[in-house]
Amino acid sequence: MIDSYFRSILTVLNSSLIVASHNVNFDKLSTQFGVRRFTYAYHYQRAEGSFVFRYDNTGHFPGLLLFPHHKHVGDESNVIPHRPSHPRRGDR
């Protein structure tokens, strides 16, 4: 089931007219000690390579509102809280 989902993401990226290139790493995680943790990072940059923004939930800003979810804007050091978005039922 997860492999089919991974393939569908690659299909969308490969057929997109606005995505010039992409690098996607898929991880299959298992439950350990009854805890499941999913991480994400969505990084956007211009064609010439300049950084635009990145969403992620790594735990390196514990004092930030909405921890661990945050967004780097314009510069890696400019970090703001950000609520993660979830797909609508019809998008799955």
Protein backbone atom coordinates (compact mmCIF):
# COMPACT_ATOMS: atom_id res chain seq x y z
CA MET A 1 0.00 0.00 0.00
CA ILE A 2 2.72 2.51 0.92
CA ASP A 3 4.67 1.65 -2.24
CA SER A 4 1.67 2.57 -4.34
CA TYR A 5 1.42 5.91 -2.51
CA PHE A 6 5.13 6.58 -3.11
CA ARG A 7 4.70 5.82 -6.82
CA SER A 8 1.72 8.20 -7.02
CA ILE A 9 3.80 11.04 -5.57
CA LEU A 10 6.55 10.45 -8.14
CA THR A 11 3.98 10.33 -10.94
CA VAL A 12 2.63 13.74 -9.92
CA LEU A 13 6.11 15.25 -9.66
CA ASN A 14 7.29 13.80 -12.98
CA SER A 15 4.21 15.01 -14.86
CA SER A 16 4.14 18.49 -13.33
CA LEU A 17 4.77 21.43 -15.66
CA ILE A 18 6.07 23.62 -12.81
CA VAL A 19 8.52 21.21 -11.12
CA ALA A 20 11.91 21.55 -12.82
CA SER A 21 13.61 18.91 -10.67
CA HIS A 22 13.03 16.99 -7.48
CA ASN A 23 14.81 14.77 -5.02
CA VAL A 24 12.49 12.62 -2.92
CA ASN A 25 13.57 10.19 -0.23
CA PHE A 26 10.91 7.76 0.94
CA ASP A 27 11.34 5.98 4.28
CA LYS A 28 9.36 3.03 5.50
CA LEU A 29 9.15 3.22 9.27
CA SER A 30 8.00 0.65 11.74
CA THR A 31 6.44 1.05 15.15
CA GLN A 32 8.97 0.82 17.98
CA PHE A 33 7.99 0.66 21.63
CA GLY A 34 4.43 1.67 20.73
CA VAL A 35 5.53 5.07 19.36
CA ARG A 36 5.31 6.07 15.72
CA ARG A 37 7.08 9.24 14.65
CA PHE A 38 6.80 10.63 11.15
CA THR A 39 9.13 13.35 9.99
CA TYR A 40 8.89 15.58 6.98
CA ALA A 41 10.79 18.30 5.19
CA TYR A 42 9.56 20.22 2.16
CA HIS A 43 12.26 22.40 0.66
CA TYR A 44 11.66 24.97 -2.09
CA GLN A 45 14.33 26.78 -4.05
CA ARG A 46 14.56 28.78 -7.26
CA ALA A 47 15.96 27.29 -10.48
CA GLU A 48 19.28 29.08 -9.93
CA GLY A 49 19.56 27.44 -6.50
CA SER A 50 18.59 30.24 -4.10
CA PHE A 51 16.63 29.18 -1.03
CA VAL A 52 12.95 30.19 -0.80
CA PHE A 53 11.51 28.28 2.19
CA ARG A 54 11.37 24.91 3.91
CA TYR A 55 8.79 23.30 6.18
CA ASP A 56 9.97 20.60 8.57
CA ASN A 57 9.38 19.04 11.96
CA THR A 58 12.86 18.28 13.19
CA GLY A 59 13.21 18.94 16.90
CA HIS A 60 15.87 21.64 16.87
CA PHE A 61 13.62 24.54 18.02
CA PRO A 62 11.97 23.24 21.24
CA GLY A 63 10.94 26.72 22.47
CA LEU A 64 9.01 27.56 19.30
CA LEU A 65 5.21 27.73 19.36
CA LEU A 66 3.74 24.67 17.54
CA PHE A 67 6.98 22.73 18.17
CA PRO A 68 8.28 20.75 16.35
CA HIS A 69 6.53 22.14 13.24
CA HIS A 70 8.18 25.21 11.74
CA LYS A 71 9.10 27.02 8.55
CA HIS A 72 12.42 28.54 7.42
CA VAL A 73 11.66 31.63 5.30
CA GLY A 74 14.10 33.38 2.95
CA ASP A 75 17.06 32.32 5.05
CA GLU A 76 17.82 29.17 7.06
CA SER A 77 18.10 31.24 10.24
CA ASN A 78 14.68 32.91 9.86
CA VAL A 79 12.40 30.37 11.58
CA ILE A 80 8.68 30.79 12.31
CA PRO A 81 6.03 28.45 13.76
CA HIS A 82 3.96 26.70 11.14
CA ARG A 83 1.00 24.37 11.48
CA PRO A 84 1.39 21.36 9.16
CA SER A 85 -1.24 20.97 6.47
CA HIS A 86 -3.13 17.73 6.02
CA PRO A 87 -4.59 16.42 2.77
CA ARG A 88 -8.33 16.70 2.34
CA ARG A 89 -10.20 13.42 2.09
CA GLY A 90 -10.70 13.82 -1.65
CA ASP A 91 -6.94 14.34 -2.21
CA ARG A 92 -5.95 10.87 -1.06
